[in-house]
Amino acid sequence: MTQMLIRYKTKPEATARNRSLIEDVFAELKTNAPQDLRYAALMLADGSFVHVVAYAGSESPLRQIEAFRAFQAGIGDRCAERPVVNEVTVVGNYRMLDE
């Protein structure tokens, strides 16, 4: 399973729009319910966002979600600090992630 952590900071005037786009992604995920995907998005008080994504296979099922494509389309314009993507290994987990 591929596991990624993505973090970035939005421009103050774009934070609410970014959050709304993420909420749209989760609404579509509830409808489509891809089985091989685990996904969480967190918003920090300073306008930063952290996304944790885990998926089986060679490509993230998020790429098939229309709302996710809309979210990605303008991410560069909304960011004060561009996304940093890191593949991660879970070292410890207490009731946060499925095992």
PDB file of N, CA and C in Angstrom:
ATOM      1  N   MET A   1       0.842  -1.177   0.000  1.00  0.00           N
ATOM      2  CA  MET A   1       0.000   0.000   0.000  1.00  0.00           C
ATOM      3  C   MET A   1       0.887   1.239   0.000  1.00  0.00           C
ATOM      4  N   THR A   2       0.595   2.177  -0.885  1.00  0.00           N
ATOM      5  CA  THR A   2       1.304   3.451  -0.934  1.00  0.00           C
ATOM      6  C   THR A   2       0.689   4.386   0.094  1.00  0.00           C
ATOM      7  N   GLN A   3       1.540   5.047   0.877  1.00  0.00           N
ATOM      8  CA  GLN A   3       1.075   5.980   1.897  1.00  0.00           C
ATOM      9  C   GLN A   3       1.804   7.300   1.706  1.00  0.00           C
ATOM     10  N   MET A   4       1.042   8.379   1.630  1.00  0.00           N
ATOM     11  CA  MET A   4       1.612   9.691   1.364  1.00  0.00           C
ATOM     12  C   MET A   4       1.111  10.701   2.392  1.00  0.00           C
ATOM     13  N   LEU A   5       1.966  11.695   2.662  1.00  0.00           N
ATOM     14  CA  LEU A   5       1.592  12.838   3.474  1.00  0.00           C
ATOM     15  C   LEU A   5       1.888  14.073   2.635  1.00  0.00           C
ATOM     16  N   ILE A   6       0.888  14.924   2.467  1.00  0.00           N
ATOM     17  CA  ILE A   6       1.040  16.138   1.673  1.00  0.00           C
ATOM     18  C   ILE A   6       0.726  17.318   2.573  1.00  0.00           C
ATOM     19  N   ARG A   7       1.591  18.325   2.540  1.00  0.00           N
ATOM     20  CA  ARG A   7       1.336  19.508   3.352  1.00  0.00           C
ATOM     21  C   ARG A   7       1.623  20.762   2.526  1.00  0.00           C
ATOM     22  N   TYR A   8       0.836  21.797   2.801  1.00  0.00           N
ATOM     23  CA  TYR A   8       0.978  23.072   2.100  1.00  0.00           C
ATOM     24  C   TYR A   8       0.254  24.137   2.899  1.00  0.00           C
ATOM     25  N   LYS A   9       0.499  25.383   2.545  1.00  0.00           N
ATOM     26  CA  LYS A   9      -0.164  26.498   3.212  1.00  0.00           C
ATOM     27  C   LYS A   9      -0.869  27.342   2.160  1.00  0.00           C
ATOM     28  N   THR A  10      -2.115  27.673   2.432  1.00  0.00           N
ATOM     29  CA  THR A  10      -2.873  28.488   1.498  1.00  0.00           C
ATOM     30  C   THR A  10      -2.681  29.978   1.799  1.00  0.00           C
ATOM     31  N   LYS A  11      -2.960  30.783   0.794  1.00  0.00           N
ATOM     32  CA  LYS A  11      -3.026  32.230   0.993  1.00  0.00           C
ATOM     33  C   LYS A  11      -4.252  32.495   1.875  1.00  0.00           C
ATOM     34  N   PRO A  12      -4.189  33.477   2.764  1.00  0.00           N
ATOM     35  CA  PRO A  12      -5.318  33.732   3.670  1.00  0.00           C
ATOM     36  C   PRO A  12      -6.653  33.888   2.948  1.00  0.00           C
ATOM     37  N   GLU A  13      -6.647  34.552   1.822  1.00  0.00           N
ATOM     38  CA  GLU A  13      -7.892  34.772   1.093  1.00  0.00           C
ATOM     39  C   GLU A  13      -8.396  33.518   0.365  1.00  0.00           C
ATOM     40  N   ALA A  14      -7.574  32.470   0.326  1.00  0.00           N
ATOM     41  CA  ALA A  14      -7.948  31.238  -0.375  1.00  0.00           C
ATOM     42  C   ALA A  14      -8.251  30.074   0.563  1.00  0.00           C
ATOM     43  N   THR A  15      -8.063  30.257   1.856  1.00  0.00           N
ATOM     44  CA  THR A  15      -8.226  29.166   2.806  1.00  0.00           C
ATOM     45  C   THR A  15      -9.653  28.611   2.806  1.00  0.00           C
ATOM     46  N   ALA A  16     -10.646  29.476   2.851  1.00  0.00           N
ATOM     47  CA  ALA A  16     -12.042  29.013   2.881  1.00  0.00           C
ATOM     48  C   ALA A  16     -12.394  28.270   1.598  1.00  0.00           C
ATOM     49  N   ARG A  17     -11.941  28.770   0.455  1.00  0.00           N
ATOM     50  CA  ARG A  17     -12.216  28.105  -0.826  1.00  0.00           C
ATOM     51  C   ARG A  17     -11.554  26.734  -0.855  1.00  0.00           C
ATOM     52  N   ASN A  18     -10.323  26.643  -0.380  1.00  0.00           N
ATOM     53  CA  ASN A  18      -9.608  25.378  -0.360  1.00  0.00           C
ATOM     54  C   ASN A  18     -10.357  24.362   0.505  1.00  0.00           C
ATOM     55  N   ARG A  19     -10.789  24.804   1.666  1.00  0.00           N
ATOM     56  CA  ARG A  19     -11.546  23.920   2.558  1.00  0.00           C
ATOM     57  C   ARG A  19     -12.829  23.435   1.879  1.00  0.00           C
ATOM     58  N   SER A  20     -13.525  24.329   1.221  1.00  0.00           N
ATOM     59  CA  SER A  20     -14.758  23.969   0.530  1.00  0.00           C
ATOM     60  C   SER A  20     -14.510  22.927  -0.563  1.00  0.00           C
ATOM     61  N   LEU A  21     -13.443  23.086  -1.306  1.00  0.00           N
ATOM     62  CA  LEU A  21     -13.098  22.118  -2.351  1.00  0.00           C
ATOM     63  C   LEU A  21     -12.785  20.741  -1.748  1.00  0.00           C
ATOM     64  N   ILE A  22     -12.105  20.735  -0.616  1.00  0.00           N
ATOM     65  CA  ILE A  22     -11.805  19.468   0.058  1.00  0.00           C
ATOM     66  C   ILE A  22     -13.100  18.820   0.543  1.00  0.00           C
ATOM     67  N   GLU A  23     -13.999  19.606   1.097  1.00  0.00           N
ATOM     68  CA  GLU A  23     -15.290  19.068   1.544  1.00  0.00           C
ATOM     69  C   GLU A  23     -16.054  18.454   0.368  1.00  0.00           C
ATOM     70  N   ASP A  24     -15.941  19.066  -0.816  1.00  0.00           N
ATOM     71  CA  ASP A  24     -16.565  18.501  -2.018  1.00  0.00           C
ATOM     72  C   ASP A  24     -15.977  17.136  -2.357  1.00  0.00           C
ATOM     73  N   VAL A  25     -14.661  16.993  -2.176  1.00  0.00           N
ATOM     74  CA  VAL A  25     -14.011  15.702  -2.435  1.00  0.00           C
ATOM     75  C   VAL A  25     -14.592  14.638  -1.508  1.00  0.00           C
ATOM     76  N   PHE A  26     -14.713  14.950  -0.228  1.00  0.00           N
ATOM     77  CA  PHE A  26     -15.229  13.966   0.720  1.00  0.00           C
ATOM     78  C   PHE A  26     -16.697  13.639   0.463  1.00  0.00           C
ATOM     79  N   ALA A  27     -17.459  14.610   0.019  1.00  0.00           N
ATOM     80  CA  ALA A  27     -18.857  14.336  -0.333  1.00  0.00           C
ATOM     81  C   ALA A  27     -18.925  13.348  -1.495  1.00  0.00           C
ATOM     82  N   GLU A  28     -18.078  13.536  -2.499  1.00  0.00           N
ATOM     83  CA  GLU A  28     -18.066  12.604  -3.626  1.00  0.00           C
ATOM     84  C   GLU A  28     -17.530  11.237  -3.217  1.00  0.00           C
ATOM     85  N   LEU A  29     -16.555  11.211  -2.326  1.00  0.00           N
ATOM     86  CA  LEU A  29     -16.033   9.925  -1.839  1.00  0.00           C
ATOM     87  C   LEU A  29     -17.123   9.131  -1.122  1.00  0.00           C
ATOM     88  N   LYS A  30     -17.974   9.801  -0.373  1.00  0.00           N
ATOM     89  CA  LYS A  30     -19.068   9.098   0.306  1.00  0.00           C
ATOM     90  C   LYS A  30     -20.008   8.447  -0.697  1.00  0.00           C
ATOM     91  N   THR A  31     -20.183   9.089  -1.832  1.00  0.00           N
ATOM     92  CA  THR A  31     -21.056   8.549  -2.869  1.00  0.00           C
ATOM     93  C   THR A  31     -20.386   7.400  -3.615  1.00  0.00           C
ATOM     94  N   ASN A  32     -19.129   7.593  -3.998  1.00  0.00           N
ATOM     95  CA  ASN A  32     -18.414   6.605  -4.830  1.00  0.00           C
ATOM     96  C   ASN A  32     -17.782   5.486  -4.019  1.00  0.00           C
ATOM     97  N   ALA A  33     -17.353   5.761  -2.804  1.00  0.00           N
ATOM     98  CA  ALA A  33     -16.780   4.795  -1.862  1.00  0.00           C
ATOM     99  C   ALA A  33     -15.723   3.870  -2.467  1.00  0.00           C
ATOM    100  N   PRO A  34     -14.621   4.428  -2.988  1.00  0.00           N
ATOM    101  CA  PRO A  34     -13.560   3.545  -3.494  1.00  0.00           C
ATOM    102  C   PRO A  34     -12.999   2.678  -2.363  1.00  0.00           C
ATOM    103  N   GLN A  35     -12.874   1.395  -2.614  1.00  0.00           N
ATOM    104  CA  GLN A  35     -12.491   0.429  -1.582  1.00  0.00           C
ATOM    105  C   GLN A  35     -11.016   0.478  -1.201  1.00  0.00           C
ATOM    106  N   ASP A  36     -10.152   0.769  -2.141  1.00  0.00           N
ATOM    107  CA  ASP A  36      -8.711   0.689  -1.885  1.00  0.00           C
ATOM    108  C   ASP A  36      -8.102   2.042  -1.536  1.00  0.00           C
ATOM    109  N   LEU A  37      -8.862   2.886  -0.863  1.00  0.00           N
ATOM    110  CA  LEU A  37      -8.414   4.237  -0.532  1.00  0.00           C
ATOM    111  C   LEU A  37      -8.690   4.544   0.923  1.00  0.00           C
ATOM    112  N   ARG A  38      -7.716   5.173   1.575  1.00  0.00           N
ATOM    113  CA  ARG A  38      -7.873   5.746   2.903  1.00  0.00           C
ATOM    114  C   ARG A  38      -7.383   7.186   2.772  1.00  0.00           C
ATOM    115  N   TYR A  39      -8.159   8.130   3.306  1.00  0.00           N
ATOM    116  CA  TYR A  39      -7.836   9.535   3.049  1.00  0.00           C
ATOM    117  C   TYR A  39      -8.349  10.391   4.198  1.00  0.00           C
ATOM    118  N   ALA A  40      -7.509  11.287   4.669  1.00  0.00           N
ATOM    119  CA  ALA A  40      -7.895  12.269   5.681  1.00  0.00           C
ATOM    120  C   ALA A  40      -7.270  13.600   5.304  1.00  0.00           C
ATOM    121  N   ALA A  41      -7.989  14.667   5.570  1.00  0.00           N
ATOM    122  CA  ALA A  41      -7.470  16.013   5.343  1.00  0.00           C
ATOM    123  C   ALA A  41      -7.662  16.809   6.630  1.00  0.00           C
ATOM    124  N   LEU A  42      -6.621  17.507   7.032  1.00  0.00           N
ATOM    125  CA  LEU A  42      -6.636  18.295   8.263  1.00  0.00           C
ATOM    126  C   LEU A  42      -6.292  19.743   7.929  1.00  0.00           C
ATOM    127  N   MET A  43      -6.977  20.674   8.576  1.00  0.00           N
ATOM    128  CA  MET A  43      -6.663  22.089   8.415  1.00  0.00           C
ATOM    129  C   MET A  43      -6.078  22.604   9.718  1.00  0.00           C
ATOM    130  N   LEU A  44      -4.927  23.242   9.642  1.00  0.00           N
ATOM    131  CA  LEU A  44      -4.282  23.805  10.810  1.00  0.00           C
ATOM    132  C   LEU A  44      -4.712  25.258  10.984  1.00  0.00           C
ATOM    133  N   ALA A  45      -4.553  25.787  12.178  1.00  0.00           N
ATOM    134  CA  ALA A  45      -5.009  27.144  12.504  1.00  0.00           C
ATOM    135  C   ALA A  45      -4.328  28.220  11.665  1.00  0.00           C
ATOM    136  N   ASP A  46      -3.139  27.939  11.145  1.00  0.00           N
ATOM    137  CA  ASP A  46      -2.400  28.949  10.379  1.00  0.00           C
ATOM    138  C   ASP A  46      -2.725  28.936   8.882  1.00  0.00           C
ATOM    139  N   GLY A  47      -3.730  28.147   8.479  1.00  0.00           N
ATOM    140  CA  GLY A  47      -4.075  28.076   7.063  1.00  0.00           C
ATOM    141  C   GLY A  47      -3.326  26.997   6.310  1.00  0.00           C
ATOM    142  N   SER A  48      -2.586  26.179   7.035  1.00  0.00           N
ATOM    143  CA  SER A  48      -1.910  25.040   6.427  1.00  0.00           C
ATOM    144  C   SER A  48      -2.857  23.853   6.373  1.00  0.00           C
ATOM    145  N   PHE A  49      -2.618  22.987   5.431  1.00  0.00           N
ATOM    146  CA  PHE A  49      -3.398  21.762   5.294  1.00  0.00           C
ATOM    147  C   PHE A  49      -2.457  20.582   5.264  1.00  0.00           C
ATOM    148  N   VAL A  50      -2.912  19.469   5.816  1.00  0.00           N
ATOM    149  CA  VAL A  50      -2.175  18.207   5.783  1.00  0.00           C
ATOM    150  C   VAL A  50      -3.149  17.146   5.290  1.00  0.00           C
ATOM    151  N   HIS A  51      -2.729  16.416   4.270  1.00  0.00           N
ATOM    152  CA  HIS A  51      -3.533  15.318   3.736  1.00  0.00           C
ATOM    153  C   HIS A  51      -2.749  14.028   3.959  1.00  0.00           C
ATOM    154  N   VAL A  52      -3.432  12.996   4.409  1.00  0.00           N
ATOM    155  CA  VAL A  52      -2.839  11.675   4.571  1.00  0.00           C
ATOM    156  C   VAL A  52      -3.619  10.746   3.641  1.00  0.00           C
ATOM    157  N   VAL A  53      -2.900  10.100   2.737  1.00  0.00           N
ATOM    158  CA  VAL A  53      -3.526   9.267   1.714  1.00  0.00           C
ATOM    159  C   VAL A  53      -2.842   7.910   1.701  1.00  0.00           C
ATOM    160  N   ALA A  54      -3.632   6.861   1.648  1.00  0.00           N
ATOM    161  CA  ALA A  54      -3.107   5.503   1.490  1.00  0.00           C
ATOM    162  C   ALA A  54      -3.980   4.795   0.461  1.00  0.00           C
ATOM    163  N   TYR A  55      -3.326   4.090  -0.451  1.00  0.00           N
ATOM    164  CA  TYR A  55      -4.085   3.384  -1.481  1.00  0.00           C
ATOM    165  C   TYR A  55      -3.308   2.177  -1.975  1.00  0.00           C
ATOM    166  N   ALA A  56      -4.055   1.193  -2.445  1.00  0.00           N
ATOM    167  CA  ALA A  56      -3.469   0.012  -3.065  1.00  0.00           C
ATOM    168  C   ALA A  56      -3.395   0.264  -4.567  1.00  0.00           C
ATOM    169  N   GLY A  57      -2.504  -0.418  -5.229  1.00  0.00           N
ATOM    170  CA  GLY A  57      -2.392  -0.264  -6.673  1.00  0.00           C
ATOM    171  C   GLY A  57      -1.356   0.769  -7.062  1.00  0.00           C
ATOM    172  N   SER A  58      -1.262   1.016  -8.341  1.00  0.00           N
ATOM    173  CA  SER A  58      -0.215   1.897  -8.851  1.00  0.00           C
ATOM    174  C   SER A  58      -0.646   3.358  -8.940  1.00  0.00           C
ATOM    175  N   GLU A  59      -1.956   3.626  -8.884  1.00  0.00           N
ATOM    176  CA  GLU A  59      -2.441   5.004  -8.988  1.00  0.00           C
ATOM    177  C   GLU A  59      -3.524   5.262  -7.954  1.00  0.00           C
ATOM    178  N   SER A  60      -3.498   6.440  -7.382  1.00  0.00           N
ATOM    179  CA  SER A  60      -4.488   6.803  -6.372  1.00  0.00           C
ATOM    180  C   SER A  60      -5.887   6.860  -6.972  1.00  0.00           C
ATOM    181  N   PRO A  61      -6.860   6.227  -6.319  1.00  0.00           N
ATOM    182  CA  PRO A  61      -8.256   6.333  -6.759  1.00  0.00           C
ATOM    183  C   PRO A  61      -8.782   7.768  -6.720  1.00  0.00           C
ATOM    184  N   LEU A  62      -8.107   8.649  -5.987  1.00  0.00           N
ATOM    185  CA  LEU A  62      -8.528  10.049  -5.949  1.00  0.00           C
ATOM    186  C   LEU A  62      -8.521  10.675  -7.339  1.00  0.00           C
ATOM    187  N   ARG A  63      -7.628  10.221  -8.185  1.00  0.00           N
ATOM    188  CA  ARG A  63      -7.530  10.788  -9.542  1.00  0.00           C
ATOM    189  C   ARG A  63      -8.794  10.547 -10.365  1.00  0.00           C
ATOM    190  N   GLN A  64      -9.620   9.599  -9.944  1.00  0.00           N
ATOM    191  CA  GLN A  64     -10.866   9.300 -10.652  1.00  0.00           C
ATOM    192  C   GLN A  64     -12.044  10.133 -10.140  1.00  0.00           C
ATOM    193  N   ILE A  65     -11.823  10.884  -9.069  1.00  0.00           N
ATOM    194  CA  ILE A  65     -12.884  11.666  -8.439  1.00  0.00           C
ATOM    195  C   ILE A  65     -12.921  13.064  -9.072  1.00  0.00           C
ATOM    196  N   GLU A  66     -14.045  13.423  -9.664  1.00  0.00           N
ATOM    197  CA  GLU A  66     -14.187  14.720 -10.342  1.00  0.00           C
ATOM    198  C   GLU A  66     -13.898  15.886  -9.396  1.00  0.00           C
ATOM    199  N   ALA A  67     -14.412  15.814  -8.163  1.00  0.00           N
ATOM    200  CA  ALA A  67     -14.185  16.890  -7.199  1.00  0.00           C
ATOM    201  C   ALA A  67     -12.707  17.019  -6.847  1.00  0.00           C
ATOM    202  N   PHE A  68     -11.973  15.907  -6.851  1.00  0.00           N
ATOM    203  CA  PHE A  68     -10.538  15.975  -6.572  1.00  0.00           C
ATOM    204  C   PHE A  68      -9.802  16.650  -7.723  1.00  0.00           C
ATOM    205  N   ARG A  69     -10.210  16.353  -8.938  1.00  0.00           N
ATOM    206  CA  ARG A  69      -9.594  17.022 -10.089  1.00  0.00           C
ATOM    207  C   ARG A  69      -9.865  18.533 -10.038  1.00  0.00           C
ATOM    208  N   ALA A  70     -11.062  18.925  -9.617  1.00  0.00           N
ATOM    209  CA  ALA A  70     -11.378  20.346  -9.464  1.00  0.00           C
ATOM    210  C   ALA A  70     -10.521  20.967  -8.364  1.00  0.00           C
ATOM    211  N   PHE A  71     -10.330  20.235  -7.280  1.00  0.00           N
ATOM    212  CA  PHE A  71      -9.472  20.703  -6.182  1.00  0.00           C
ATOM    213  C   PHE A  71      -8.047  20.922  -6.679  1.00  0.00           C
ATOM    214  N   GLN A  72      -7.511  19.983  -7.411  1.00  0.00           N
ATOM    215  CA  GLN A  72      -6.134  20.089  -7.892  1.00  0.00           C
ATOM    216  C   GLN A  72      -5.946  21.172  -8.942  1.00  0.00           C
ATOM    217  N   ALA A  73      -6.983  21.451  -9.714  1.00  0.00           N
ATOM    218  CA  ALA A  73      -6.863  22.367 -10.847  1.00  0.00           C
ATOM    219  C   ALA A  73      -6.306  23.733 -10.454  1.00  0.00           C
ATOM    220  N   GLY A  74      -6.677  24.279  -9.337  1.00  0.00           N
ATOM    221  CA  GLY A  74      -6.215  25.611  -8.969  1.00  0.00           C
ATOM    222  C   GLY A  74      -5.363  25.655  -7.729  1.00  0.00           C
ATOM    223  N   ILE A  75      -4.812  24.531  -7.337  1.00  0.00           N
ATOM    224  CA  ILE A  75      -4.066  24.483  -6.074  1.00  0.00           C
ATOM    225  C   ILE A  75      -2.900  25.469  -6.054  1.00  0.00           C
ATOM    226  N   GLY A  76      -2.212  25.615  -7.152  1.00  0.00           N
ATOM    227  CA  GLY A  76      -1.065  26.533  -7.195  1.00  0.00           C
ATOM    228  C   GLY A  76      -1.459  27.972  -6.921  1.00  0.00           C
ATOM    229  N   ASP A  77      -2.604  28.375  -7.422  1.00  0.00           N
ATOM    230  CA  ASP A  77      -3.081  29.742  -7.209  1.00  0.00           C
ATOM    231  C   ASP A  77      -3.528  29.981  -5.772  1.00  0.00           C
ATOM    232  N   ARG A  78      -3.966  28.930  -5.099  1.00  0.00           N
ATOM    233  CA  ARG A  78      -4.447  29.078  -3.722  1.00  0.00           C
ATOM    234  C   ARG A  78      -3.320  29.009  -2.687  1.00  0.00           C
ATOM    235  N   CYS A  79      -2.146  28.564  -3.093  1.00  0.00           N
ATOM    236  CA  CYS A  79      -1.081  28.287  -2.124  1.00  0.00           C
ATOM    237  C   CYS A  79      -0.123  29.449  -1.899  1.00  0.00           C
ATOM    238  N   ALA A  80       0.198  29.668  -0.635  1.00  0.00           N
ATOM    239  CA  ALA A  80       1.295  30.550  -0.257  1.00  0.00           C
ATOM    240  C   ALA A  80       2.577  29.723  -0.190  1.00  0.00           C
ATOM    241  N   GLU A  81       2.439  28.454   0.190  1.00  0.00           N
ATOM    242  CA  GLU A  81       3.547  27.491   0.199  1.00  0.00           C
ATOM    243  C   GLU A  81       3.076  26.273  -0.572  1.00  0.00           C
ATOM    244  N   ARG A  82       3.787  25.946  -1.622  1.00  0.00           N
ATOM    245  CA  ARG A  82       3.409  24.859  -2.518  1.00  0.00           C
ATOM    246  C   ARG A  82       3.364  23.516  -1.778  1.00  0.00           C
ATOM    247  N   PRO A  83       2.557  22.577  -2.284  1.00  0.00           N
ATOM    248  CA  PRO A  83       2.480  21.265  -1.652  1.00  0.00           C
ATOM    249  C   PRO A  83       3.818  20.527  -1.648  1.00  0.00           C
ATOM    250  N   VAL A  84       4.104  19.929  -0.519  1.00  0.00           N
ATOM    251  CA  VAL A  84       5.259  19.050  -0.360  1.00  0.00           C
ATOM    252  C   VAL A  84       4.695  17.653  -0.149  1.00  0.00           C
ATOM    253  N   VAL A  85       5.083  16.739  -1.020  1.00  0.00           N
ATOM    254  CA  VAL A  85       4.563  15.373  -0.992  1.00  0.00           C
ATOM    255  C   VAL A  85       5.667  14.439  -0.512  1.00  0.00           C
ATOM    256  N   ASN A  86       5.356  13.632   0.482  1.00  0.00           N
ATOM    257  CA  ASN A  86       6.311  12.670   1.011  1.00  0.00           C
ATOM    258  C   ASN A  86       5.651  11.309   1.126  1.00  0.00           C
ATOM    259  N   GLU A  87       6.323  10.281   0.639  1.00  0.00           N
ATOM    260  CA  GLU A  87       5.863   8.930   0.915  1.00  0.00           C
ATOM    261  C   GLU A  87       6.255   8.620   2.350  1.00  0.00           C
ATOM    262  N   VAL A  88       5.360   7.976   3.095  1.00  0.00           N
ATOM    263  CA  VAL A  88       5.601   7.734   4.514  1.00  0.00           C
ATOM    264  C   VAL A  88       5.452   6.267   4.861  1.00  0.00           C
ATOM    265  N   THR A  89       6.039   5.909   5.995  1.00  0.00           N
ATOM    266  CA  THR A  89       5.881   4.593   6.590  1.00  0.00           C
ATOM    267  C   THR A  89       5.293   4.800   7.976  1.00  0.00           C
ATOM    268  N   VAL A  90       4.216   4.129   8.282  1.00  0.00           N
ATOM    269  CA  VAL A  90       3.602   4.241   9.607  1.00  0.00           C
ATOM    270  C   VAL A  90       4.475   3.486  10.602  1.00  0.00           C
ATOM    271  N   VAL A  91       4.945   4.199  11.597  1.00  0.00           N
ATOM    272  CA  VAL A  91       5.789   3.620  12.639  1.00  0.00           C
ATOM    273  C   VAL A  91       4.934   3.185  13.825  1.00  0.00           C
ATOM    274  N   GLY A  92       3.930   3.952  14.125  1.00  0.00           N
ATOM    275  CA  GLY A  92       3.012   3.639  15.205  1.00  0.00           C
ATOM    276  C   GLY A  92       1.631   4.171  14.876  1.00  0.00           C
ATOM    277  N   ASN A  93       0.631   3.505  15.413  1.00  0.00           N
ATOM    278  CA  ASN A  93      -0.741   3.855  15.104  1.00  0.00           C
ATOM    279  C   ASN A  93      -1.634   3.349  16.226  1.00  0.00           C
ATOM    280  N   TYR A  94      -2.315   4.263  16.880  1.00  0.00           N
ATOM    281  CA  TYR A  94      -3.253   3.849  17.904  1.00  0.00           C
ATOM    282  C   TYR A  94      -4.644   4.346  17.520  1.00  0.00           C
ATOM    283  N   ARG A  95      -5.448   3.442  16.953  1.00  0.00           N
ATOM    284  CA  ARG A  95      -6.842   3.691  16.607  1.00  0.00           C
ATOM    285  C   ARG A  95      -7.054   4.852  15.642  1.00  0.00           C
ATOM    286  N   MET A  96      -6.029   5.300  14.947  1.00  0.00           N
ATOM    287  CA  MET A  96      -6.184   6.392  13.990  1.00  0.00           C
ATOM    288  C   MET A  96      -6.356   5.856  12.570  1.00  0.00           C
ATOM    289  N   LEU A  97      -5.544   4.914  12.217  1.00  0.00           N
ATOM    290  CA  LEU A  97      -5.554   4.351  10.866  1.00  0.00           C
ATOM    291  C   LEU A  97      -5.964   2.892  10.908  1.00  0.00           C
ATOM    292  N   ASP A  98      -6.652   2.437   9.881  1.00  0.00           N
ATOM    293  CA  ASP A  98      -6.948   1.005   9.795  1.00  0.00           C
ATOM    294  C   ASP A  98      -5.653   0.228   9.632  1.00  0.00           C
ATOM    295  N   GLU A  99      -5.631  -0.960  10.174  1.00  0.00           N
ATOM    296  CA  GLU A  99      -4.426  -1.777  10.031  1.00  0.00           C
ATOM    297  C   GLU A  99      -4.740  -3.013   9.244  1.00  0.00           C
TER     298      GLU A  99
END
